[in-house]
Amino acid sequence: MPLGADATSAQPADEVLRSLQHRRIEALCQQFQLHSFSTEWAALAQQAVEREFSHADFLEQLLLSEDRARQEQQSPTLLHLSGLPAVKTVEQYDFTFASGAPQSQILELAELTFIEHKENVLLLGPSGVGKTHLASALAHRAIMAGISTKFISASDLILQLVDAQLQGRLPQYYSRVVEQPKLLVIDEIGYLPFGREEANLFFSVIAKRYEQGSVVLTSSLPFSQWSTTFADDSKLTTVLLDRLLHHAHTVQISGQSYRLKDQLESGEVVPRAAASPR
C-alpha cells in the first residue's frame, strides 16, 4: 500500500458500502430511540438469511425484540408505582394444598385477556385461602407485561378518597388513581364496613371504571352480605354489583386456610388427625 493511502481503500467496495449502511442504520436507531433495534438488528438479519425468513418475518422479530426490551425497562417503574406490597406469582401458589381453588380458571385469567376486554375479576372465599396472593399475582403478571396497575386495599382506598374530598382534590385523585391504571386491584372488600358517604365514594370508583378498565376485587363475604359493608344500603349494593358483574369472572375459592400451610410444614401447628387423643 502506498505511504499515506487511506486504509479503507484496501477494503472491497461492497464491504465499505455495507459499513456505511450500518452506520446510517445505527444513527437512525439512535434518532428514533430504537435501542433494541440498534443492538439486535444485525444478528436477527443474519438469522433471517440462515433460516430464509421473509422480510415480514424479519421485521416482526425485530419489532418483538424492541417490545420486549421496552417492557423490561418499563416494568421496574410500573412495579414501583403500583403500590404492590409484595411480589407474588401464580407459580408460587400451591394448588395441591389449596385444593378448593379452581386452577384452570385461575391459569386462564393469568393470560390477562380479561384486561384487554376490560372485564373484572372477583376472588371470593373465606379468610386465608389465598385471595390476596392471587390478586397480587395477577397484578404482578400485568406489570411484567407492561400494563399500568394500581394495587390498594379497600380501607386505604376509602381513606384516600375521603382525604382527597376534604382537600378538594377528588377529581385529580379519580384521574390519577382510579381512571389512569389499566388494572385496578382492590383488596379485602368487607374487612371494614363503610359509612354512607364512604359507600357512595366507593360506588363512584366502580362507576368510573365500568367498561373503561378492569378491576380485581377480593372479599371474604358472599354477595348476599355485601350490603352490610355498604352502609346497609341494599339499593346501592345492587347497583354496584350490577356494574361489577356485568363483565366479570367470579372465582369462588374454598378450603383450608392457606396461611396454615407454612405452620403445618414447620410443625408449629399439628394437624387435627395427628394430634394426640385426650
Protein backbone atom coordinates (compact mmCIF):
# COMPACT_ATOMS: atom_id res chain seq x y z
CA MET A 1 0.00 0.00 0.00
CA PRO A 2 1.48 3.41 -0.92
CA LEU A 3 2.51 5.56 2.02
CA GLY A 4 -0.34 7.78 3.16
CA ALA A 5 -3.06 5.81 1.33
CA ASP A 6 -6.44 5.59 3.05
CA ALA A 7 -6.85 2.22 4.85
CA THR A 8 -10.43 1.92 3.60
CA SER A 9 -9.21 1.95 0.02
CA ALA A 10 -7.89 -1.58 0.54
CA GLN A 11 -11.31 -2.84 1.50
CA PRO A 12 -13.65 -4.27 -1.13
CA ALA A 13 -16.16 -1.71 -2.32
CA ASP A 14 -19.18 -3.73 -1.17
CA GLU A 15 -17.73 -4.04 2.34
CA VAL A 16 -17.23 -0.27 2.53
CA LEU A 17 -20.79 0.36 1.38
CA ARG A 18 -22.07 -2.17 3.93
CA SER A 19 -20.14 -0.46 6.70
CA LEU A 20 -21.56 2.92 5.74
CA GLN A 21 -25.06 1.44 5.65
CA HIS A 22 -24.59 0.01 9.15
CA ARG A 23 -23.56 3.42 10.42
CA ARG A 24 -26.64 5.02 8.88
CA ILE A 25 -28.87 2.37 10.48
CA GLU A 26 -27.20 2.92 13.86
CA ALA A 27 -27.72 6.68 13.56
CA LEU A 28 -31.40 6.24 12.66
CA CYS A 29 -31.91 3.84 15.57
CA GLN A 30 -30.47 6.44 17.93
CA GLN A 31 -32.54 9.21 16.35
CA PHE A 32 -35.80 7.29 16.85
CA GLN A 33 -34.69 5.80 20.19
CA LEU A 34 -34.93 2.24 18.91
CA HIS A 35 -32.26 0.96 21.27
CA SER A 36 -33.03 -2.74 20.85
CA PHE A 37 -33.03 -2.32 17.08
CA SER A 38 -29.55 -0.88 17.35
CA THR A 39 -28.14 -3.92 19.17
CA GLU A 40 -30.26 -6.72 17.74
CA TRP A 41 -30.91 -5.99 14.06
CA ALA A 42 -27.63 -7.33 12.69
CA ALA A 43 -27.90 -10.69 14.47
CA LEU A 44 -31.56 -11.02 13.51
CA ALA A 45 -30.73 -10.16 9.90
CA GLN A 46 -28.11 -12.92 9.83
CA GLN A 47 -30.62 -15.32 11.39
CA ALA A 48 -33.19 -14.33 8.78
CA VAL A 49 -30.74 -15.18 6.00
CA GLU A 50 -29.81 -18.53 7.53
CA ARG A 51 -33.42 -19.55 8.11
CA GLU A 52 -34.72 -17.98 4.90
CA PHE A 53 -37.19 -15.71 6.71
CA SER A 54 -39.39 -13.42 4.67
CA HIS A 55 -39.00 -9.67 5.04
CA ALA A 56 -42.17 -9.63 7.12
CA ASP A 57 -40.81 -12.38 9.43
CA PHE A 58 -37.60 -10.42 9.96
CA LEU A 59 -39.49 -7.20 10.67
CA GLU A 60 -41.79 -8.96 13.13
CA GLN A 61 -38.86 -10.47 15.06
CA LEU A 62 -37.17 -7.08 15.18
CA LEU A 63 -40.30 -5.36 16.48
CA LEU A 64 -40.87 -8.10 19.08
CA SER A 65 -37.31 -7.65 20.28
CA GLU A 66 -37.85 -3.92 20.71
CA ASP A 67 -41.14 -4.54 22.52
CA ARG A 68 -39.53 -6.99 24.97
CA ALA A 69 -36.70 -4.57 25.70
CA ARG A 70 -39.08 -1.69 26.38
CA GLN A 71 -41.21 -3.83 28.69
CA GLU A 72 -38.12 -4.87 30.65
CA GLN A 73 -37.17 -1.21 31.07
CA GLN A 74 -40.72 -0.18 31.96
CA SER A 75 -41.56 -2.93 34.47
CA PRO A 76 -39.46 -1.63 37.44
CA THR A 77 -41.14 1.78 37.18
CA LEU A 78 -44.62 0.26 36.91
CA LEU A 79 -43.88 -2.00 39.88
CA HIS A 80 -42.77 0.96 41.98
CA LEU A 81 -45.86 2.99 41.08
CA SER A 82 -48.30 0.10 41.55
CA GLY A 83 -48.34 0.06 45.35
CA LEU A 84 -47.99 -3.72 45.28
CA PRO A 85 -46.96 -4.63 48.86
CA ALA A 86 -45.08 -7.80 47.88
CA VAL A 87 -44.26 -9.73 44.73
CA LYS A 88 -46.42 -12.84 44.46
CA THR A 89 -46.70 -15.10 41.44
CA VAL A 90 -49.20 -17.65 40.20
CA GLU A 91 -46.37 -20.19 40.12
CA GLN A 92 -45.86 -19.76 43.88
CA TYR A 93 -49.48 -20.58 44.65
CA ASP A 94 -49.71 -24.18 45.89
CA PHE A 95 -52.75 -25.66 44.20
CA THR A 96 -52.04 -29.05 45.81
CA PHE A 97 -52.66 -27.51 49.23
CA ALA A 98 -55.36 -25.05 48.12
CA SER A 99 -57.46 -27.78 46.54
CA GLY A 100 -60.54 -25.55 46.64
CA ALA A 101 -59.04 -23.09 44.15
CA PRO A 102 -60.23 -23.54 40.53
CA GLN A 103 -56.78 -23.98 38.94
CA SER A 104 -57.85 -23.98 35.29
CA GLN A 105 -59.86 -20.77 35.72
CA ILE A 106 -57.03 -19.01 37.56
CA LEU A 107 -54.42 -20.05 34.97
CA GLU A 108 -56.70 -18.78 32.21
CA LEU A 109 -57.05 -15.43 33.98
CA ALA A 110 -53.25 -15.29 34.28
CA GLU A 111 -53.17 -14.95 30.47
CA LEU A 112 -54.53 -11.41 31.13
CA THR A 113 -57.03 -11.35 28.27
CA PHE A 114 -59.62 -10.07 30.76
CA ILE A 115 -57.68 -6.80 30.91
CA GLU A 116 -57.76 -6.43 27.14
CA HIS A 117 -61.54 -6.97 27.24
CA LYS A 118 -61.97 -4.61 30.23
CA GLU A 119 -63.53 -7.36 32.33
CA ASN A 120 -63.48 -7.69 36.11
CA VAL A 121 -62.31 -10.50 38.39
CA LEU A 122 -63.88 -11.16 41.79
CA LEU A 123 -61.98 -13.51 44.10
CA LEU A 124 -64.30 -14.77 46.84
CA GLY A 125 -63.74 -17.17 49.70
CA PRO A 126 -63.08 -17.49 53.42
CA SER A 127 -60.13 -15.83 55.09
CA GLY A 128 -56.74 -17.31 54.40
CA VAL A 129 -57.37 -19.24 51.18
CA GLY A 130 -55.00 -17.09 49.09
CA LYS A 131 -57.26 -14.45 47.57
CA THR A 132 -54.76 -11.63 48.16
CA HIS A 133 -51.93 -13.82 46.86
CA LEU A 134 -53.80 -14.45 43.61
CA ALA A 135 -54.84 -10.81 43.24
CA SER A 136 -51.20 -9.77 43.77
CA ALA A 137 -50.06 -12.41 41.29
CA LEU A 138 -52.41 -11.11 38.60
CA ALA A 139 -51.19 -7.57 39.32
CA HIS A 140 -47.56 -8.65 39.07
CA ARG A 141 -48.22 -10.57 35.84
CA ALA A 142 -49.84 -7.44 34.38
CA ILE A 143 -46.91 -5.23 35.44
CA MET A 144 -44.41 -7.62 33.85
CA ALA A 145 -46.47 -7.35 30.65
CA GLY A 146 -46.10 -3.56 30.71
CA ILE A 147 -49.66 -2.89 31.88
CA SER A 148 -50.15 0.04 34.26
CA THR A 149 -51.54 -1.32 37.53
CA LYS A 150 -52.65 0.01 40.91
CA PHE A 151 -52.97 -2.24 43.98
CA ILE A 152 -54.72 -0.89 47.07
CA SER A 153 -56.74 -2.22 50.00
CA ALA A 154 -60.38 -1.17 50.21
CA SER A 155 -59.79 0.59 53.55
CA ASP A 156 -56.82 2.59 52.20
CA LEU A 157 -58.80 3.49 49.09
CA ILE A 158 -61.61 4.92 51.19
CA LEU A 159 -59.19 6.84 53.44
CA GLN A 160 -57.54 8.39 50.40
CA LEU A 161 -60.88 9.22 48.78
CA VAL A 162 -62.17 10.93 51.92
CA ASP A 163 -58.91 12.86 52.31
CA ALA A 164 -58.98 13.95 48.67
CA GLN A 165 -62.59 15.08 49.05
CA LEU A 166 -61.79 17.13 52.15
CA GLN A 167 -58.90 18.81 50.35
CA GLY A 168 -60.89 19.49 47.20
CA ARG A 169 -58.68 17.14 45.13
CA LEU A 170 -61.22 14.43 44.35
CA PRO A 171 -61.23 14.94 40.54
CA GLN A 172 -57.43 14.75 40.47
CA TYR A 173 -57.48 11.59 42.62
CA TYR A 174 -60.04 9.96 40.34
CA SER A 175 -57.91 10.78 37.31
CA ARG A 176 -54.59 9.61 38.77
CA VAL A 177 -55.55 6.56 40.85
CA VAL A 178 -58.95 5.37 39.63
CA GLU A 179 -59.07 6.07 35.89
CA GLN A 180 -55.45 6.02 34.74
CA PRO A 181 -54.36 2.42 35.50
CA LYS A 182 -55.47 -0.26 33.05
CA LEU A 183 -55.82 -2.62 36.02
CA LEU A 184 -57.11 -1.60 39.46
CA VAL A 185 -56.84 -4.18 42.25
CA ILE A 186 -58.93 -3.54 45.41
CA ASP A 187 -58.18 -5.93 48.25
CA GLU A 188 -60.36 -7.00 51.19
CA ILE A 189 -63.84 -5.70 50.42
CA GLY A 190 -65.86 -6.15 53.61
CA TYR A 191 -62.94 -6.18 56.04
CA LEU A 192 -64.24 -2.88 57.42
CA PRO A 193 -67.80 -1.54 56.94
CA PHE A 194 -68.25 1.80 55.19
CA GLY A 195 -70.46 4.69 56.21
CA ARG A 196 -72.96 6.07 53.73
CA GLU A 197 -70.65 8.75 52.30
CA GLU A 198 -67.80 6.25 52.10
CA ALA A 199 -70.07 3.77 50.33
CA ASN A 200 -71.03 6.45 47.81
CA LEU A 201 -67.37 7.23 47.17
CA PHE A 202 -66.60 3.56 46.60
CA PHE A 203 -69.53 3.29 44.20
CA SER A 204 -68.14 6.24 42.26
CA VAL A 205 -64.87 4.32 41.81
CA ILE A 206 -66.68 1.31 40.33
CA ALA A 207 -68.88 3.55 38.19
CA LYS A 208 -65.85 5.32 36.70
CA ARG A 209 -64.15 2.00 35.92
CA TYR A 210 -67.29 0.46 34.39
CA GLU A 211 -66.48 -0.67 30.84
CA GLN A 212 -63.39 1.56 30.94
CA GLY A 213 -60.88 -0.65 32.73
CA SER A 214 -60.56 -3.91 34.62
CA VAL A 215 -60.98 -4.26 38.38
CA VAL A 216 -59.83 -7.19 40.51
CA LEU A 217 -61.51 -7.41 43.92
CA THR A 218 -61.15 -9.80 46.84
CA SER A 219 -63.71 -10.41 49.55
CA SER A 220 -64.44 -12.92 52.29
CA LEU A 221 -68.13 -12.10 52.05
CA PRO A 222 -70.66 -13.72 49.71
CA PHE A 223 -72.54 -11.23 47.54
CA SER A 224 -75.64 -11.67 49.72
CA GLN A 225 -73.77 -9.99 52.60
CA TRP A 226 -72.14 -7.11 50.73
CA SER A 227 -74.83 -4.65 51.80
CA THR A 228 -73.50 -4.92 55.38
CA THR A 229 -70.29 -3.34 54.09
CA PHE A 230 -72.01 -0.57 52.14
CA ALA A 231 -73.95 1.16 54.92
CA ASP A 232 -76.72 -1.47 54.79
CA ASP A 233 -77.87 0.21 51.58
CA SER A 234 -79.31 -2.66 49.56
CA LYS A 235 -80.20 -0.43 46.60
CA LEU A 236 -76.65 0.97 46.26
CA THR A 237 -75.21 -2.53 46.71
CA THR A 238 -77.44 -3.94 43.98
CA VAL A 239 -76.42 -1.24 41.50
CA LEU A 240 -72.77 -1.66 42.50
CA LEU A 241 -72.87 -5.42 41.92
CA ASP A 242 -74.73 -4.92 38.65
CA ARG A 243 -71.79 -2.91 37.30
CA LEU A 244 -69.16 -5.23 38.72
CA LEU A 245 -70.74 -8.44 37.48
CA HIS A 246 -71.83 -7.28 34.03
CA HIS A 247 -68.44 -8.20 32.55
CA ALA A 248 -66.84 -10.35 35.23
CA HIS A 249 -65.18 -13.60 36.17
CA THR A 250 -66.16 -14.81 39.64
CA VAL A 251 -63.58 -17.10 41.25
CA GLN A 252 -65.00 -18.98 44.23
CA ILE A 253 -62.25 -20.40 46.46
CA SER A 254 -62.92 -22.83 49.28
CA GLY A 255 -60.79 -24.98 51.55
CA GLN A 256 -58.42 -24.79 54.47
CA SER A 257 -56.63 -21.58 55.33
CA TYR A 258 -53.63 -21.19 53.03
CA ARG A 259 -51.84 -19.33 55.83
CA LEU A 260 -51.66 -22.56 57.84
CA LYS A 261 -49.52 -24.19 55.16
CA ASP A 262 -46.15 -22.92 56.39
CA GLN A 263 -47.11 -23.53 60.01
CA LEU A 264 -48.09 -27.12 59.23
CA GLU A 265 -44.84 -27.68 57.33
CA SER A 266 -42.74 -26.22 60.15
CA GLY A 267 -44.56 -28.22 62.83
CA GLU A 268 -45.87 -25.13 64.61
CA VAL A 269 -49.40 -26.46 64.10
CA VAL A 270 -50.26 -30.14 64.43
CA PRO A 271 -52.98 -31.41 62.06
CA ARG A 272 -56.08 -32.46 63.96
CA ALA A 273 -55.87 -36.05 62.72
CA ALA A 274 -52.30 -36.33 64.04
CA ALA A 275 -52.96 -34.71 67.40
CA SER A 276 -52.66 -36.92 70.47
CA PRO A 277 -56.04 -38.09 71.80
CA ARG A 278 -57.17 -36.50 75.01
